[in-house]
């Protein structure tokens, strides 16, 4: 689905847009690159937050959740070492979902627009 968007560019920027090719090809490629870059930034930030929990608890979330719900000795130690672990677990799940969301968005951005829009 194509949608129209009108954008304003300063005169000197518009001149630069004409240098590598037609604005109708250059602008969509630039927008695509911006979206991909932003998705990568958000994905990296979310993965770092997940990684902090993996480091704090010494395992991935699936293993952590399994141990917290099935191993009473581990749960007792967890309550002693990390009294706010339940809050951490909720945010950990949220961050895992955030990683998946940004991966999906990145995949969509890469699949729905071609990097070859700009003539070489």
PDB file of N, CA and C in Angstrom:
ATOM      1  N   UNK A   1       0.840  -1.157   0.000  1.00  0.00           N
ATOM      2  CA  UNK A   1       0.000   0.000   0.000  1.00  0.00           C
ATOM      3  C   UNK A   1       0.899   1.238   0.000  1.00  0.00           C
ATOM      4  N   UNK A   2       0.673   2.116  -0.930  1.00  0.00           N
ATOM      5  CA  UNK A   2       1.411   3.367  -1.012  1.00  0.00           C
ATOM      6  C   UNK A   2       0.566   4.493  -0.457  1.00  0.00           C
ATOM      7  N   UNK A   3       1.192   5.302   0.369  1.00  0.00           N
ATOM      8  CA  UNK A   3       0.537   6.487   0.895  1.00  0.00           C
ATOM      9  C   UNK A   3       1.366   7.689   0.493  1.00  0.00           C
ATOM     10  N   UNK A   4       0.702   8.800   0.329  1.00  0.00           N
ATOM     11  CA  UNK A   4       1.384  10.030  -0.049  1.00  0.00           C
ATOM     12  C   UNK A   4       1.695  10.830   1.205  1.00  0.00           C
ATOM     13  N   UNK A   5       2.863  11.448   1.196  1.00  0.00           N
ATOM     14  CA  UNK A   5       3.282  12.315   2.277  1.00  0.00           C
ATOM     15  C   UNK A   5       3.993  13.497   1.651  1.00  0.00           C
ATOM     16  N   UNK A   6       3.597  14.668   2.020  1.00  0.00           N
ATOM     17  CA  UNK A   6       4.249  15.868   1.519  1.00  0.00           C
ATOM     18  C   UNK A   6       5.223  16.345   2.587  1.00  0.00           C
ATOM     19  N   UNK A   7       6.471  16.552   2.180  1.00  0.00           N
ATOM     20  CA  UNK A   7       7.469  17.038   3.121  1.00  0.00           C
ATOM     21  C   UNK A   7       8.087  18.321   2.586  1.00  0.00           C
ATOM     22  N   UNK A   8       8.524  19.144   3.501  1.00  0.00           N
ATOM     23  CA  UNK A   8       9.192  20.380   3.124  1.00  0.00           C
ATOM     24  C   UNK A   8      10.684  20.227   3.371  1.00  0.00           C
ATOM     25  N   UNK A   9      11.475  20.649   2.419  1.00  0.00           N
ATOM     26  CA  UNK A   9      12.925  20.618   2.560  1.00  0.00           C
ATOM     27  C   UNK A   9      13.472  22.009   2.316  1.00  0.00           C
ATOM     28  N   UNK A  10      14.495  22.369   3.043  1.00  0.00           N
ATOM     29  CA  UNK A  10      15.161  23.632   2.787  1.00  0.00           C
ATOM     30  C   UNK A  10      15.772  23.577   1.395  1.00  0.00           C
ATOM     31  N   UNK A  11      15.874  24.728   0.776  1.00  0.00           N
ATOM     32  CA  UNK A  11      16.380  24.787  -0.592  1.00  0.00           C
ATOM     33  C   UNK A  11      17.718  24.103  -0.794  1.00  0.00           C
ATOM     34  N   UNK A  12      18.678  24.355   0.104  1.00  0.00           N
ATOM     35  CA  UNK A  12      19.997  23.737  -0.066  1.00  0.00           C
ATOM     36  C   UNK A  12      19.936  22.218   0.105  1.00  0.00           C
ATOM     37  N   UNK A  13      19.045  21.726   0.953  1.00  0.00           N
ATOM     38  CA  UNK A  13      18.885  20.285   1.107  1.00  0.00           C
ATOM     39  C   UNK A  13      18.233  19.692  -0.133  1.00  0.00           C
ATOM     40  N   UNK A  14      17.280  20.393  -0.706  1.00  0.00           N
ATOM     41  CA  UNK A  14      16.615  19.914  -1.915  1.00  0.00           C
ATOM     42  C   UNK A  14      17.623  19.797  -3.057  1.00  0.00           C
ATOM     43  N   UNK A  15      18.536  20.745  -3.142  1.00  0.00           N
ATOM     44  CA  UNK A  15      19.584  20.664  -4.168  1.00  0.00           C
ATOM     45  C   UNK A  15      20.427  19.407  -3.966  1.00  0.00           C
ATOM     46  N   UNK A  16      20.743  19.095  -2.719  1.00  0.00           N
ATOM     47  CA  UNK A  16      21.541  17.907  -2.421  1.00  0.00           C
ATOM     48  C   UNK A  16      20.783  16.621  -2.735  1.00  0.00           C
ATOM     49  N   UNK A  17      19.478  16.641  -2.540  1.00  0.00           N
ATOM     50  CA  UNK A  17      18.657  15.461  -2.844  1.00  0.00           C
ATOM     51  C   UNK A  17      18.691  15.171  -4.342  1.00  0.00           C
ATOM     52  N   UNK A  18      18.776  16.194  -5.148  1.00  0.00           N
ATOM     53  CA  UNK A  18      18.821  16.003  -6.595  1.00  0.00           C
ATOM     54  C   UNK A  18      20.154  15.420  -7.060  1.00  0.00           C
ATOM     55  N   UNK A  19      21.238  15.589  -6.315  1.00  0.00           N
ATOM     56  CA  UNK A  19      22.551  15.122  -6.746  1.00  0.00           C
ATOM     57  C   UNK A  19      22.623  13.610  -6.977  1.00  0.00           C
ATOM     58  N   UNK A  20      22.195  12.767  -5.998  1.00  0.00           N
ATOM     59  CA  UNK A  20      22.322  11.326  -6.227  1.00  0.00           C
ATOM     60  C   UNK A  20      21.227  10.734  -7.113  1.00  0.00           C
ATOM     61  N   UNK A  21      20.214  11.485  -7.442  1.00  0.00           N
ATOM     62  CA  UNK A  21      19.142  10.940  -8.275  1.00  0.00           C
ATOM     63  C   UNK A  21      17.865  11.723  -8.096  1.00  0.00           C
ATOM     64  N   UNK A  22      16.807  11.138  -8.547  1.00  0.00           N
ATOM     65  CA  UNK A  22      15.493  11.760  -8.449  1.00  0.00           C
ATOM     66  C   UNK A  22      15.002  11.738  -7.003  1.00  0.00           C
ATOM     67  N   UNK A  23      14.453  12.854  -6.543  1.00  0.00           N
ATOM     68  CA  UNK A  23      13.928  12.882  -5.168  1.00  0.00           C
ATOM     69  C   UNK A  23      12.899  11.779  -4.903  1.00  0.00           C
ATOM     70  N   UNK A  24      12.128  11.412  -5.893  1.00  0.00           N
ATOM     71  CA  UNK A  24      11.117  10.362  -5.711  1.00  0.00           C
ATOM     72  C   UNK A  24      11.757   9.021  -5.368  1.00  0.00           C
ATOM     73  N   UNK A  25      13.031   8.834  -5.722  1.00  0.00           N
ATOM     74  CA  UNK A  25      13.741   7.604  -5.369  1.00  0.00           C
ATOM     75  C   UNK A  25      14.611   7.805  -4.135  1.00  0.00           C
ATOM     76  N   UNK A  26      15.226   8.964  -4.026  1.00  0.00           N
ATOM     77  CA  UNK A  26      16.161   9.228  -2.930  1.00  0.00           C
ATOM     78  C   UNK A  26      15.442   9.316  -1.586  1.00  0.00           C
ATOM     79  N   UNK A  27      14.335  10.039  -1.541  1.00  0.00           N
ATOM     80  CA  UNK A  27      13.644  10.264  -0.270  1.00  0.00           C
ATOM     81  C   UNK A  27      13.115   8.956   0.323  1.00  0.00           C
ATOM     82  N   UNK A  28      12.427   8.093  -0.436  1.00  0.00           N
ATOM     83  CA  UNK A  28      11.996   6.820   0.175  1.00  0.00           C
ATOM     84  C   UNK A  28      13.164   5.971   0.673  1.00  0.00           C
ATOM     85  N   UNK A  29      14.275   5.983  -0.055  1.00  0.00           N
ATOM     86  CA  UNK A  29      15.440   5.219   0.394  1.00  0.00           C
ATOM     87  C   UNK A  29      16.000   5.797   1.686  1.00  0.00           C
ATOM     88  N   UNK A  30      16.016   7.122   1.803  1.00  0.00           N
ATOM     89  CA  UNK A  30      16.506   7.766   3.022  1.00  0.00           C
ATOM     90  C   UNK A  30      15.574   7.481   4.199  1.00  0.00           C
ATOM     91  N   UNK A  31      14.280   7.510   3.954  1.00  0.00           N
ATOM     92  CA  UNK A  31      13.315   7.203   5.017  1.00  0.00           C
ATOM     93  C   UNK A  31      13.478   5.752   5.450  1.00  0.00           C
ATOM     94  N   UNK A  32      13.628   4.863   4.492  1.00  0.00           N
ATOM     95  CA  UNK A  32      13.838   3.444   4.806  1.00  0.00           C
ATOM     96  C   UNK A  32      15.062   3.272   5.678  1.00  0.00           C
ATOM     97  N   UNK A  33      16.161   3.920   5.304  1.00  0.00           N
ATOM     98  CA  UNK A  33      17.398   3.807   6.073  1.00  0.00           C
ATOM     99  C   UNK A  33      17.220   4.346   7.483  1.00  0.00           C
ATOM    100  N   UNK A  34      16.498   5.437   7.612  1.00  0.00           N
ATOM    101  CA  UNK A  34      16.232   6.020   8.926  1.00  0.00           C
ATOM    102  C   UNK A  34      15.412   5.064   9.793  1.00  0.00           C
ATOM    103  N   UNK A  35      14.394   4.445   9.198  1.00  0.00           N
ATOM    104  CA  UNK A  35      13.551   3.497   9.943  1.00  0.00           C
ATOM    105  C   UNK A  35      14.374   2.284  10.363  1.00  0.00           C
ATOM    106  N   UNK A  36      15.178   1.763   9.458  1.00  0.00           N
ATOM    107  CA  UNK A  36      16.024   0.605   9.784  1.00  0.00           C
ATOM    108  C   UNK A  36      16.998   0.964  10.911  1.00  0.00           C
ATOM    109  N   UNK A  37      17.642   2.126  10.801  1.00  0.00           N
ATOM    110  CA  UNK A  37      18.585   2.554  11.841  1.00  0.00           C
ATOM    111  C   UNK A  37      17.900   2.683  13.194  1.00  0.00           C
ATOM    112  N   UNK A  38      16.723   3.275  13.210  1.00  0.00           N
ATOM    113  CA  UNK A  38      15.988   3.467  14.466  1.00  0.00           C
ATOM    114  C   UNK A  38      15.577   2.122  15.068  1.00  0.00           C
ATOM    115  N   UNK A  39      15.114   1.211  14.230  1.00  0.00           N
ATOM    116  CA  UNK A  39      14.759  -0.128  14.716  1.00  0.00           C
ATOM    117  C   UNK A  39      15.970  -0.828  15.317  1.00  0.00           C
ATOM    118  N   UNK A  40      17.105  -0.707  14.654  1.00  0.00           N
ATOM    119  CA  UNK A  40      18.330  -1.331  15.168  1.00  0.00           C
ATOM    120  C   UNK A  40      18.738  -0.725  16.511  1.00  0.00           C
ATOM    121  N   UNK A  41      18.605   0.584  16.644  1.00  0.00           N
ATOM    122  CA  UNK A  41      18.929   1.238  17.914  1.00  0.00           C
ATOM    123  C   UNK A  41      18.026   0.742  19.033  1.00  0.00           C
ATOM    124  N   UNK A  42      16.736   0.700  18.763  1.00  0.00           N
ATOM    125  CA  UNK A  42      15.777   0.250  19.781  1.00  0.00           C
ATOM    126  C   UNK A  42      15.979  -1.222  20.123  1.00  0.00           C
ATOM    127  N   UNK A  43      16.264  -2.035  19.106  1.00  0.00           N
ATOM    128  CA  UNK A  43      16.509  -3.455  19.323  1.00  0.00           C
ATOM    129  C   UNK A  43      17.745  -3.650  20.192  1.00  0.00           C
ATOM    130  N   UNK A  44      18.797  -2.934  19.888  1.00  0.00           N
ATOM    131  CA  UNK A  44      20.029  -3.038  20.669  1.00  0.00           C
ATOM    132  C   UNK A  44      19.794  -2.625  22.124  1.00  0.00           C
ATOM    133  N   UNK A  45      19.047  -1.553  22.343  1.00  0.00           N
ATOM    134  CA  UNK A  45      18.765  -1.095  23.704  1.00  0.00           C
ATOM    135  C   UNK A  45      17.943  -2.138  24.469  1.00  0.00           C
ATOM    136  N   UNK A  46      16.941  -2.694  23.824  1.00  0.00           N
ATOM    137  CA  UNK A  46      16.097  -3.709  24.482  1.00  0.00           C
ATOM    138  C   UNK A  46      16.903  -4.964  24.792  1.00  0.00           C
ATOM    139  N   UNK A  47      17.755  -5.383  23.857  1.00  0.00           N
ATOM    140  CA  UNK A  47      18.596  -6.559  24.094  1.00  0.00           C
ATOM    141  C   UNK A  47      19.567  -6.321  25.242  1.00  0.00           C
ATOM    142  N   UNK A  48      20.074  -5.102  25.364  1.00  0.00           N
ATOM    143  CA  UNK A  48      20.980  -4.780  26.471  1.00  0.00           C
ATOM    144  C   UNK A  48      20.248  -4.893  27.815  1.00  0.00           C
ATOM    145  N   UNK A  49      18.994  -4.467  27.843  1.00  0.00           N
ATOM    146  CA  UNK A  49      18.222  -4.547  29.082  1.00  0.00           C
ATOM    147  C   UNK A  49      17.932  -6.003  29.453  1.00  0.00           C
ATOM    148  N   UNK A  50      17.626  -6.819  28.447  1.00  0.00           N
ATOM    149  CA  UNK A  50      17.430  -8.251  28.698  1.00  0.00           C
ATOM    150  C   UNK A  50      18.743  -8.853  29.197  1.00  0.00           C
ATOM    151  N   UNK A  51      19.839  -8.473  28.554  1.00  0.00           N
ATOM    152  CA  UNK A  51      21.151  -8.983  28.945  1.00  0.00           C
ATOM    153  C   UNK A  51      21.522  -8.645  30.377  1.00  0.00           C
ATOM    154  N   UNK A  52      21.087  -7.484  30.841  1.00  0.00           N
ATOM    155  CA  UNK A  52      21.365  -7.100  32.228  1.00  0.00           C
ATOM    156  C   UNK A  52      20.678  -8.053  33.203  1.00  0.00           C
ATOM    157  N   UNK A  53      19.462  -8.479  32.875  1.00  0.00           N
ATOM    158  CA  UNK A  53      18.769  -9.439  33.737  1.00  0.00           C
ATOM    159  C   UNK A  53      19.407 -10.816  33.652  1.00  0.00           C
ATOM    160  N   UNK A  54      19.818 -11.204  32.471  1.00  0.00           N
ATOM    161  CA  UNK A  54      20.505 -12.495  32.309  1.00  0.00           C
ATOM    162  C   UNK A  54      21.767 -12.497  33.172  1.00  0.00           C
ATOM    163  N   UNK A  55      22.494 -11.404  33.147  1.00  0.00           N
ATOM    164  CA  UNK A  55      23.719 -11.307  33.946  1.00  0.00           C
ATOM    165  C   UNK A  55      23.396 -11.300  35.447  1.00  0.00           C
ATOM    166  N   UNK A  56      22.380 -10.534  35.834  1.00  0.00           N
ATOM    167  CA  UNK A  56      22.028 -10.428  37.253  1.00  0.00           C
ATOM    168  C   UNK A  56      21.632 -11.778  37.844  1.00  0.00           C
ATOM    169  N   UNK A  57      20.854 -12.560  37.073  1.00  0.00           N
ATOM    170  CA  UNK A  57      20.342 -13.819  37.604  1.00  0.00           C
ATOM    171  C   UNK A  57      21.093 -15.050  37.089  1.00  0.00           C
ATOM    172  N   UNK A  58      22.051 -14.843  36.193  1.00  0.00           N
ATOM    173  CA  UNK A  58      22.915 -15.935  35.752  1.00  0.00           C
ATOM    174  C   UNK A  58      22.265 -16.963  34.852  1.00  0.00           C
ATOM    175  N   UNK A  59      21.168 -16.588  34.206  1.00  0.00           N
ATOM    176  CA  UNK A  59      20.485 -17.531  33.307  1.00  0.00           C
ATOM    177  C   UNK A  59      19.470 -16.767  32.468  1.00  0.00           C
ATOM    178  N   UNK A  60      18.957 -17.426  31.429  1.00  0.00           N
ATOM    179  CA  UNK A  60      17.924 -16.783  30.616  1.00  0.00           C
ATOM    180  C   UNK A  60      16.590 -16.803  31.367  1.00  0.00           C
ATOM    181  N   UNK A  61      15.621 -16.059  30.844  1.00  0.00           N
ATOM    182  CA  UNK A  61      14.347 -15.919  31.557  1.00  0.00           C
ATOM    183  C   UNK A  61      13.613 -17.254  31.694  1.00  0.00           C
ATOM    184  N   UNK A  62      13.634 -18.047  30.651  1.00  0.00           N
ATOM    185  CA  UNK A  62      12.902 -19.328  30.698  1.00  0.00           C
ATOM    186  C   UNK A  62      13.431 -20.194  31.843  1.00  0.00           C
ATOM    187  N   UNK A  63      14.745 -20.278  31.957  1.00  0.00           N
ATOM    188  CA  UNK A  63      15.348 -21.061  33.050  1.00  0.00           C
ATOM    189  C   UNK A  63      15.051 -20.435  34.398  1.00  0.00           C
ATOM    190  N   UNK A  64      15.159 -19.120  34.475  1.00  0.00           N
ATOM    191  CA  UNK A  64      14.873 -18.398  35.718  1.00  0.00           C
ATOM    192  C   UNK A  64      13.438 -18.664  36.172  1.00  0.00           C
ATOM    193  N   UNK A  65      12.494 -18.512  35.267  1.00  0.00           N
ATOM    194  CA  UNK A  65      11.092 -18.705  35.600  1.00  0.00           C
ATOM    195  C   UNK A  65      10.829 -20.138  36.053  1.00  0.00           C
ATOM    196  N   UNK A  66      11.426 -21.087  35.349  1.00  0.00           N
ATOM    197  CA  UNK A  66      11.234 -22.492  35.716  1.00  0.00           C
ATOM    198  C   UNK A  66      11.758 -22.752  37.124  1.00  0.00           C
ATOM    199  N   UNK A  67      12.964 -22.255  37.414  1.00  0.00           N
ATOM    200  CA  UNK A  67      13.547 -22.481  38.743  1.00  0.00           C
ATOM    201  C   UNK A  67      12.753 -21.764  39.836  1.00  0.00           C
ATOM    202  N   UNK A  68      12.310 -20.543  39.550  1.00  0.00           N
ATOM    203  CA  UNK A  68      11.564 -19.781  40.558  1.00  0.00           C
ATOM    204  C   UNK A  68      10.222 -20.427  40.872  1.00  0.00           C
ATOM    205  N   UNK A  69       9.661 -21.156  39.921  1.00  0.00           N
ATOM    206  CA  UNK A  69       8.336 -21.766  40.131  1.00  0.00           C
ATOM    207  C   UNK A  69       8.391 -23.239  40.529  1.00  0.00           C
ATOM    208  N   UNK A  70       9.561 -23.868  40.419  1.00  0.00           N
ATOM    209  CA  UNK A  70       9.614 -25.309  40.719  1.00  0.00           C
ATOM    210  C   UNK A  70      10.625 -25.692  41.790  1.00  0.00           C
ATOM    211  N   UNK A  71      11.544 -24.792  42.136  1.00  0.00           N
ATOM    212  CA  UNK A  71      12.638 -25.122  43.051  1.00  0.00           C
ATOM    213  C   UNK A  71      12.528 -24.248  44.304  1.00  0.00           C
ATOM    214  N   UNK A  72      12.002 -24.813  45.367  1.00  0.00           N
ATOM    215  CA  UNK A  72      11.768 -24.041  46.593  1.00  0.00           C
ATOM    216  C   UNK A  72      13.070 -23.504  47.183  1.00  0.00           C
ATOM    217  N   UNK A  73      14.124 -24.289  47.145  1.00  0.00           N
ATOM    218  CA  UNK A  73      15.405 -23.824  47.690  1.00  0.00           C
ATOM    219  C   UNK A  73      15.905 -22.621  46.886  1.00  0.00           C
ATOM    220  N   UNK A  74      15.766 -22.686  45.577  1.00  0.00           N
ATOM    221  CA  UNK A  74      16.176 -21.551  44.733  1.00  0.00           C
ATOM    222  C   UNK A  74      15.315 -20.327  45.040  1.00  0.00           C
ATOM    223  N   UNK A  75      14.022 -20.534  45.188  1.00  0.00           N
ATOM    224  CA  UNK A  75      13.110 -19.432  45.490  1.00  0.00           C
ATOM    225  C   UNK A  75      13.457 -18.784  46.828  1.00  0.00           C
ATOM    226  N   UNK A  76      13.776 -19.577  47.817  1.00  0.00           N
ATOM    227  CA  UNK A  76      14.164 -19.029  49.115  1.00  0.00           C
ATOM    228  C   UNK A  76      15.428 -18.181  48.991  1.00  0.00           C
ATOM    229  N   UNK A  77      16.405 -18.684  48.267  1.00  0.00           N
ATOM    230  CA  UNK A  77      17.648 -17.940  48.056  1.00  0.00           C
ATOM    231  C   UNK A  77      17.383 -16.679  47.242  1.00  0.00           C
ATOM    232  N   UNK A  78      16.517 -16.797  46.251  1.00  0.00           N
ATOM    233  CA  UNK A  78      16.158 -15.659  45.410  1.00  0.00           C
ATOM    234  C   UNK A  78      15.516 -14.552  46.249  1.00  0.00           C
ATOM    235  N   UNK A  79      14.605 -14.924  47.124  1.00  0.00           N
ATOM    236  CA  UNK A  79      13.961 -13.940  48.004  1.00  0.00           C
ATOM    237  C   UNK A  79      14.972 -13.254  48.920  1.00  0.00           C
ATOM    238  N   UNK A  80      15.972 -13.994  49.331  1.00  0.00           N
ATOM    239  CA  UNK A  80      16.995 -13.420  50.211  1.00  0.00           C
ATOM    240  C   UNK A  80      17.952 -12.508  49.427  1.00  0.00           C
ATOM    241  N   UNK A  81      18.410 -12.971  48.270  1.00  0.00           N
ATOM    242  CA  UNK A  81      19.412 -12.222  47.490  1.00  0.00           C
ATOM    243  C   UNK A  81      18.812 -11.070  46.693  1.00  0.00           C
ATOM    244  N   UNK A  82      17.602 -11.257  46.207  1.00  0.00           N
ATOM    245  CA  UNK A  82      16.952 -10.265  45.340  1.00  0.00           C
ATOM    246  C   UNK A  82      15.494 -10.083  45.789  1.00  0.00           C
ATOM    247  N   UNK A  83      15.261  -9.321  46.846  1.00  0.00           N
ATOM    248  CA  UNK A  83      13.893  -9.195  47.353  1.00  0.00           C
ATOM    249  C   UNK A  83      12.909  -8.605  46.342  1.00  0.00           C
ATOM    250  N   UNK A  84      13.406  -7.899  45.337  1.00  0.00           N
ATOM    251  CA  UNK A  84      12.525  -7.313  44.313  1.00  0.00           C
ATOM    252  C   UNK A  84      12.516  -8.138  43.019  1.00  0.00           C
ATOM    253  N   UNK A  85      12.821  -9.408  43.119  1.00  0.00           N
ATOM    254  CA  UNK A  85      12.935 -10.242  41.929  1.00  0.00           C
ATOM    255  C   UNK A  85      11.633 -10.318  41.135  1.00  0.00           C
ATOM    256  N   UNK A  86      10.498 -10.255  41.812  1.00  0.00           N
ATOM    257  CA  UNK A  86       9.221 -10.336  41.089  1.00  0.00           C
ATOM    258  C   UNK A  86       9.036  -9.128  40.172  1.00  0.00           C
ATOM    259  N   UNK A  87       9.425  -7.978  40.644  1.00  0.00           N
ATOM    260  CA  UNK A  87       9.379  -6.767  39.820  1.00  0.00           C
ATOM    261  C   UNK A  87      10.338  -6.906  38.637  1.00  0.00           C
ATOM    262  N   UNK A  88      11.534  -7.413  38.921  1.00  0.00           N
ATOM    263  CA  UNK A  88      12.505  -7.657  37.847  1.00  0.00           C
ATOM    264  C   UNK A  88      11.940  -8.626  36.815  1.00  0.00           C
ATOM    265  N   UNK A  89      11.288  -9.675  37.286  1.00  0.00           N
ATOM    266  CA  UNK A  89      10.745 -10.688  36.374  1.00  0.00           C
ATOM    267  C   UNK A  89       9.694 -10.088  35.447  1.00  0.00           C
ATOM    268  N   UNK A  90       8.854  -9.201  35.982  1.00  0.00           N
ATOM    269  CA  UNK A  90       7.834  -8.567  35.137  1.00  0.00           C
ATOM    270  C   UNK A  90       8.479  -7.680  34.074  1.00  0.00           C
ATOM    271  N   UNK A  91       9.477  -6.903  34.478  1.00  0.00           N
ATOM    272  CA  UNK A  91      10.143  -6.056  33.489  1.00  0.00           C
ATOM    273  C   UNK A  91      10.942  -6.899  32.502  1.00  0.00           C
ATOM    274  N   UNK A  92      11.535  -7.971  32.962  1.00  0.00           N
ATOM    275  CA  UNK A  92      12.306  -8.863  32.099  1.00  0.00           C
ATOM    276  C   UNK A  92      11.422  -9.390  30.969  1.00  0.00           C
ATOM    277  N   UNK A  93      10.230  -9.846  31.321  1.00  0.00           N
ATOM    278  CA  UNK A  93       9.280 -10.332  30.314  1.00  0.00           C
ATOM    279  C   UNK A  93       8.928  -9.208  29.344  1.00  0.00           C
ATOM    280  N   UNK A  94       8.672  -8.027  29.890  1.00  0.00           N
ATOM    281  CA  UNK A  94       8.352  -6.879  29.040  1.00  0.00           C
ATOM    282  C   UNK A  94       9.495  -6.602  28.063  1.00  0.00           C
ATOM    283  N   UNK A  95      10.718  -6.636  28.531  1.00  0.00           N
ATOM    284  CA  UNK A  95      11.873  -6.365  27.667  1.00  0.00           C
ATOM    285  C   UNK A  95      12.054  -7.456  26.607  1.00  0.00           C
ATOM    286  N   UNK A  96      11.768  -8.689  26.952  1.00  0.00           N
ATOM    287  CA  UNK A  96      11.824  -9.772  25.967  1.00  0.00           C
ATOM    288  C   UNK A  96      10.785  -9.529  24.879  1.00  0.00           C
ATOM    289  N   UNK A  97       9.591  -9.125  25.269  1.00  0.00           N
ATOM    290  CA  UNK A  97       8.541  -8.797  24.299  1.00  0.00           C
ATOM    291  C   UNK A  97       8.948  -7.598  23.449  1.00  0.00           C
ATOM    292  N   UNK A  98       9.611  -6.640  24.066  1.00  0.00           N
ATOM    293  CA  UNK A  98      10.087  -5.460  23.341  1.00  0.00           C
ATOM    294  C   UNK A  98      11.119  -5.858  22.277  1.00  0.00           C
ATOM    295  N   UNK A  99      12.017  -6.774  22.614  1.00  0.00           N
ATOM    296  CA  UNK A  99      12.997  -7.268  21.644  1.00  0.00           C
ATOM    297  C   UNK A  99      12.273  -7.873  20.443  1.00  0.00           C
ATOM    298  N   UNK A 100      11.298  -8.712  20.719  1.00  0.00           N
ATOM    299  CA  UNK A 100      10.551  -9.352  19.639  1.00  0.00           C
ATOM    300  C   UNK A 100       9.820  -8.327  18.787  1.00  0.00           C
ATOM    301  N   UNK A 101       9.223  -7.327  19.416  1.00  0.00           N
ATOM    302  CA  UNK A 101       8.514  -6.273  18.691  1.00  0.00           C
ATOM    303  C   UNK A 101       9.453  -5.528  17.748  1.00  0.00           C
ATOM    304  N   UNK A 102      10.635  -5.144  18.239  1.00  0.00           N
ATOM    305  CA  UNK A 102      11.577  -4.407  17.390  1.00  0.00           C
ATOM    306  C   UNK A 102      12.169  -5.292  16.300  1.00  0.00           C
ATOM    307  N   UNK A 103      12.317  -6.584  16.574  1.00  0.00           N
ATOM    308  CA  UNK A 103      12.760  -7.507  15.508  1.00  0.00           C
ATOM    309  C   UNK A 103      11.710  -7.597  14.408  1.00  0.00           C
ATOM    310  N   UNK A 104      10.447  -7.679  14.813  1.00  0.00           N
ATOM    311  CA  UNK A 104       9.361  -7.732  13.826  1.00  0.00           C
ATOM    312  C   UNK A 104       9.311  -6.446  13.009  1.00  0.00           C
ATOM    313  N   UNK A 105       9.441  -5.319  13.671  1.00  0.00           N
ATOM    314  CA  UNK A 105       9.418  -4.042  12.958  1.00  0.00           C
ATOM    315  C   UNK A 105      10.598  -3.917  12.000  1.00  0.00           C
ATOM    316  N   UNK A 106      11.757  -4.349  12.437  1.00  0.00           N
ATOM    317  CA  UNK A 106      12.939  -4.307  11.569  1.00  0.00           C
ATOM    318  C   UNK A 106      12.742  -5.214  10.360  1.00  0.00           C
ATOM    319  N   UNK A 107      12.256  -6.409  10.585  1.00  0.00           N
ATOM    320  CA  UNK A 107      11.990  -7.337   9.487  1.00  0.00           C
ATOM    321  C   UNK A 107      11.000  -6.739   8.504  1.00  0.00           C
ATOM    322  N   UNK A 108       9.945  -6.144   9.028  1.00  0.00           N
ATOM    323  CA  UNK A 108       8.936  -5.518   8.163  1.00  0.00           C
ATOM    324  C   UNK A 108       9.557  -4.384   7.356  1.00  0.00           C
ATOM    325  N   UNK A 109      10.358  -3.547   7.999  1.00  0.00           N
ATOM    326  CA  UNK A 109      11.007  -2.438   7.288  1.00  0.00           C
ATOM    327  C   UNK A 109      11.925  -2.957   6.187  1.00  0.00           C
ATOM    328  N   UNK A 110      12.625  -4.034   6.471  1.00  0.00           N
ATOM    329  CA  UNK A 110      13.538  -4.589   5.469  1.00  0.00           C
ATOM    330  C   UNK A 110      12.795  -5.291   4.328  1.00  0.00           C
ATOM    331  N   UNK A 111      11.638  -5.861   4.625  1.00  0.00           N
ATOM    332  CA  UNK A 111      10.886  -6.600   3.605  1.00  0.00           C
ATOM    333  C   UNK A 111       9.984  -5.722   2.754  1.00  0.00           C
ATOM    334  N   UNK A 112       9.523  -4.603   3.292  1.00  0.00           N
ATOM    335  CA  UNK A 112       8.526  -3.832   2.575  1.00  0.00           C
ATOM    336  C   UNK A 112       9.100  -2.727   1.689  1.00  0.00           C
ATOM    337  N   UNK A 113      10.377  -2.484   1.794  1.00  0.00           N
ATOM    338  CA  UNK A 113      10.956  -1.451   0.952  1.00  0.00           C
ATOM    339  C   UNK A 113      12.341  -1.889   0.500  1.00  0.00           C
ATOM    340  N   UNK A 114      12.643  -1.524  -0.697  1.00  0.00           N
ATOM    341  CA  UNK A 114      13.879  -1.985  -1.305  1.00  0.00           C
ATOM    342  C   UNK A 114      15.004  -0.986  -1.101  1.00  0.00           C
ATOM    343  N   UNK A 115      16.201  -1.456  -0.733  1.00  0.00           N
ATOM    344  CA  UNK A 115      17.334  -0.550  -0.625  1.00  0.00           C
ATOM    345  C   UNK A 115      17.849  -0.113  -1.998  1.00  0.00           C
ATOM    346  N   UNK A 116      17.337  -0.692  -3.048  1.00  0.00           N
ATOM    347  CA  UNK A 116      17.842  -0.407  -4.400  1.00  0.00           C
ATOM    348  C   UNK A 116      16.997   0.642  -5.102  1.00  0.00           C
ATOM    349  N   UNK A 117      16.277   1.446  -4.318  1.00  0.00           N
ATOM    350  CA  UNK A 117      15.457   2.487  -4.922  1.00  0.00           C
ATOM    351  C   UNK A 117      16.298   3.612  -5.532  1.00  0.00           C
ATOM    352  N   UNK A 118      17.472   3.820  -4.983  1.00  0.00           N
ATOM    353  CA  UNK A 118      18.310   4.914  -5.464  1.00  0.00           C
ATOM    354  C   UNK A 118      19.190   4.402  -6.591  1.00  0.00           C
ATOM    355  N   UNK A 119      19.110   5.035  -7.780  1.00  0.00           N
ATOM    356  CA  UNK A 119      19.971   4.602  -8.876  1.00  0.00           C
ATOM    357  C   UNK A 119      21.428   4.854  -8.517  1.00  0.00           C
ATOM    358  N   UNK A 120      22.270   3.933  -8.913  1.00  0.00           N
ATOM    359  CA  UNK A 120      23.702   4.038  -8.621  1.00  0.00           C
ATOM    360  C   UNK A 120      24.395   4.840  -9.707  1.00  0.00           C
TER     361      UNK A 120
END
